[in-house]
Amino acid sequence: MQPEALALLVTWEMPYGKYKGRLIADLPGHYLGWFAREGFPSGELGALLALMYELDHNALRHLLDPLRKKDRKQTF
């Protein structure tokens, strides 16, 4: 895993599906679990979804909180 990937989780939006437009970091666990069972898409999106699944599955979502705060400071 590259550290930059964690920052992408709080900036990239889901490009399609039921949760289109929602940040990858905000996708519900059951949706990430569905991808884990059915297969992640190819490319960078799939890698980010797989990373988010691992964070969610291992109760590590809180690791993204400092990145969210940093991202908010940059937008103001």
C-alpha atoms as a PDB file:
ATOM      1  CA  MET A   1       0.000   0.000   0.000  1.00  0.00           C
ATOM      2  CA  GLN A   2       1.153   3.502  -0.789  1.00  0.00           C
ATOM      3  CA  PRO A   3       0.410   6.294   1.705  1.00  0.00           C
ATOM      4  CA  GLU A   4      -1.050   8.413  -1.104  1.00  0.00           C
ATOM      5  CA  ALA A   5      -3.797   5.815  -1.516  1.00  0.00           C
ATOM      6  CA  LEU A   6      -5.209   6.691   1.911  1.00  0.00           C
ATOM      7  CA  ALA A   7      -5.554  10.329   0.865  1.00  0.00           C
ATOM      8  CA  LEU A   8      -7.364   9.263  -2.294  1.00  0.00           C
ATOM      9  CA  LEU A   9     -10.000   7.465  -0.222  1.00  0.00           C
ATOM     10  CA  VAL A  10     -11.191  10.800   1.196  1.00  0.00           C
ATOM     11  CA  THR A  11     -11.164  12.618  -2.163  1.00  0.00           C
ATOM     12  CA  TRP A  12     -12.343  10.124  -4.810  1.00  0.00           C
ATOM     13  CA  GLU A  13     -16.036   9.695  -5.431  1.00  0.00           C
ATOM     14  CA  MET A  14     -17.675   6.465  -6.492  1.00  0.00           C
ATOM     15  CA  PRO A  15     -18.210   6.904 -10.263  1.00  0.00           C
ATOM     16  CA  TYR A  16     -21.238   4.609 -10.673  1.00  0.00           C
ATOM     17  CA  GLY A  17     -23.862   2.485  -8.974  1.00  0.00           C
ATOM     18  CA  LYS A  18     -26.154   3.021  -6.037  1.00  0.00           C
ATOM     19  CA  TYR A  19     -23.569   5.148  -4.229  1.00  0.00           C
ATOM     20  CA  LYS A  20     -22.433   7.226  -7.207  1.00  0.00           C
ATOM     21  CA  GLY A  21     -20.970  10.518  -6.005  1.00  0.00           C
ATOM     22  CA  ARG A  22     -20.221   9.304  -2.471  1.00  0.00           C
ATOM     23  CA  LEU A  23     -16.612   9.390  -1.278  1.00  0.00           C
ATOM     24  CA  ILE A  24     -14.990   5.972  -1.276  1.00  0.00           C
ATOM     25  CA  ALA A  25     -14.196   6.504   2.418  1.00  0.00           C
ATOM     26  CA  ASP A  26     -17.933   6.926   3.078  1.00  0.00           C
ATOM     27  CA  LEU A  27     -19.146   3.784   1.314  1.00  0.00           C
ATOM     28  CA  PRO A  28     -21.033   1.430   3.642  1.00  0.00           C
ATOM     29  CA  GLY A  29     -19.372  -1.776   4.758  1.00  0.00           C
ATOM     30  CA  HIS A  30     -22.013  -4.025   3.210  1.00  0.00           C
ATOM     31  CA  TYR A  31     -21.340  -2.471  -0.208  1.00  0.00           C
ATOM     32  CA  LEU A  32     -17.589  -2.974   0.168  1.00  0.00           C
ATOM     33  CA  GLY A  33     -18.260  -6.539   1.295  1.00  0.00           C
ATOM     34  CA  TRP A  34     -20.306  -7.146  -1.837  1.00  0.00           C
ATOM     35  CA  PHE A  35     -17.315  -6.123  -3.953  1.00  0.00           C
ATOM     36  CA  ALA A  36     -15.068  -8.390  -1.876  1.00  0.00           C
ATOM     37  CA  ARG A  37     -17.368 -11.341  -2.616  1.00  0.00           C
ATOM     38  CA  GLU A  38     -18.144 -10.541  -6.256  1.00  0.00           C
ATOM     39  CA  GLY A  39     -14.811  -9.064  -7.298  1.00  0.00           C
ATOM     40  CA  PHE A  40     -13.345  -5.590  -7.261  1.00  0.00           C
ATOM     41  CA  PRO A  41     -13.188  -3.645 -10.531  1.00  0.00           C
ATOM     42  CA  SER A  42      -9.853  -3.492 -12.277  1.00  0.00           C
ATOM     43  CA  GLY A  43      -7.483  -0.588 -12.054  1.00  0.00           C
ATOM     44  CA  GLU A  44      -7.005   2.075  -9.435  1.00  0.00           C
ATOM     45  CA  LEU A  45     -10.674   2.187  -8.460  1.00  0.00           C
ATOM     46  CA  GLY A  46     -10.637  -1.505  -7.608  1.00  0.00           C
ATOM     47  CA  ALA A  47      -7.451  -1.127  -5.597  1.00  0.00           C
ATOM     48  CA  LEU A  48      -8.973   1.751  -3.616  1.00  0.00           C
ATOM     49  CA  LEU A  49     -12.187  -0.175  -2.977  1.00  0.00           C
ATOM     50  CA  ALA A  50     -10.153  -3.169  -1.794  1.00  0.00           C
ATOM     51  CA  LEU A  51      -8.133  -0.938   0.520  1.00  0.00           C
ATOM     52  CA  MET A  52     -11.295   0.635   1.922  1.00  0.00           C
ATOM     53  CA  TYR A  53     -12.775  -2.822   2.440  1.00  0.00           C
ATOM     54  CA  GLU A  54      -9.713  -3.840   4.485  1.00  0.00           C
ATOM     55  CA  LEU A  55      -9.930  -0.695   6.595  1.00  0.00           C
ATOM     56  CA  ASP A  56     -13.645  -1.230   7.194  1.00  0.00           C
ATOM     57  CA  HIS A  57     -13.351  -4.961   7.853  1.00  0.00           C
ATOM     58  CA  ASN A  58     -10.594  -4.416  10.403  1.00  0.00           C
ATOM     59  CA  ALA A  59     -12.357  -1.457  12.089  1.00  0.00           C
ATOM     60  CA  LEU A  60      -9.682   1.000  10.981  1.00  0.00           C
ATOM     61  CA  ARG A  61     -11.857   3.690   9.366  1.00  0.00           C
ATOM     62  CA  HIS A  62     -10.733   6.093  12.087  1.00  0.00           C
ATOM     63  CA  LEU A  63      -7.289   6.192  10.448  1.00  0.00           C
ATOM     64  CA  LEU A  64      -8.826   8.386   7.741  1.00  0.00           C
ATOM     65  CA  ASP A  65     -10.043  11.065  10.179  1.00  0.00           C
ATOM     66  CA  PRO A  66      -6.811  13.120  10.167  1.00  0.00           C
ATOM     67  CA  LEU A  67      -6.823  13.043   6.360  1.00  0.00           C
ATOM     68  CA  ARG A  68     -10.403  14.318   6.271  1.00  0.00           C
ATOM     69  CA  LYS A  69      -9.464  17.214   8.554  1.00  0.00           C
ATOM     70  CA  LYS A  70      -6.411  18.012   6.443  1.00  0.00           C
ATOM     71  CA  ASP A  71      -8.504  17.937   3.269  1.00  0.00           C
ATOM     72  CA  ARG A  72     -11.078  20.333   4.788  1.00  0.00           C
ATOM     73  CA  LYS A  73      -8.371  22.827   5.759  1.00  0.00           C
ATOM     74  CA  GLN A  74      -7.118  22.914   2.193  1.00  0.00           C
ATOM     75  CA  THR A  75     -10.532  23.626   0.707  1.00  0.00           C
ATOM     76  CA  PHE A  76     -11.246  26.785   2.762  1.00  0.00           C
END
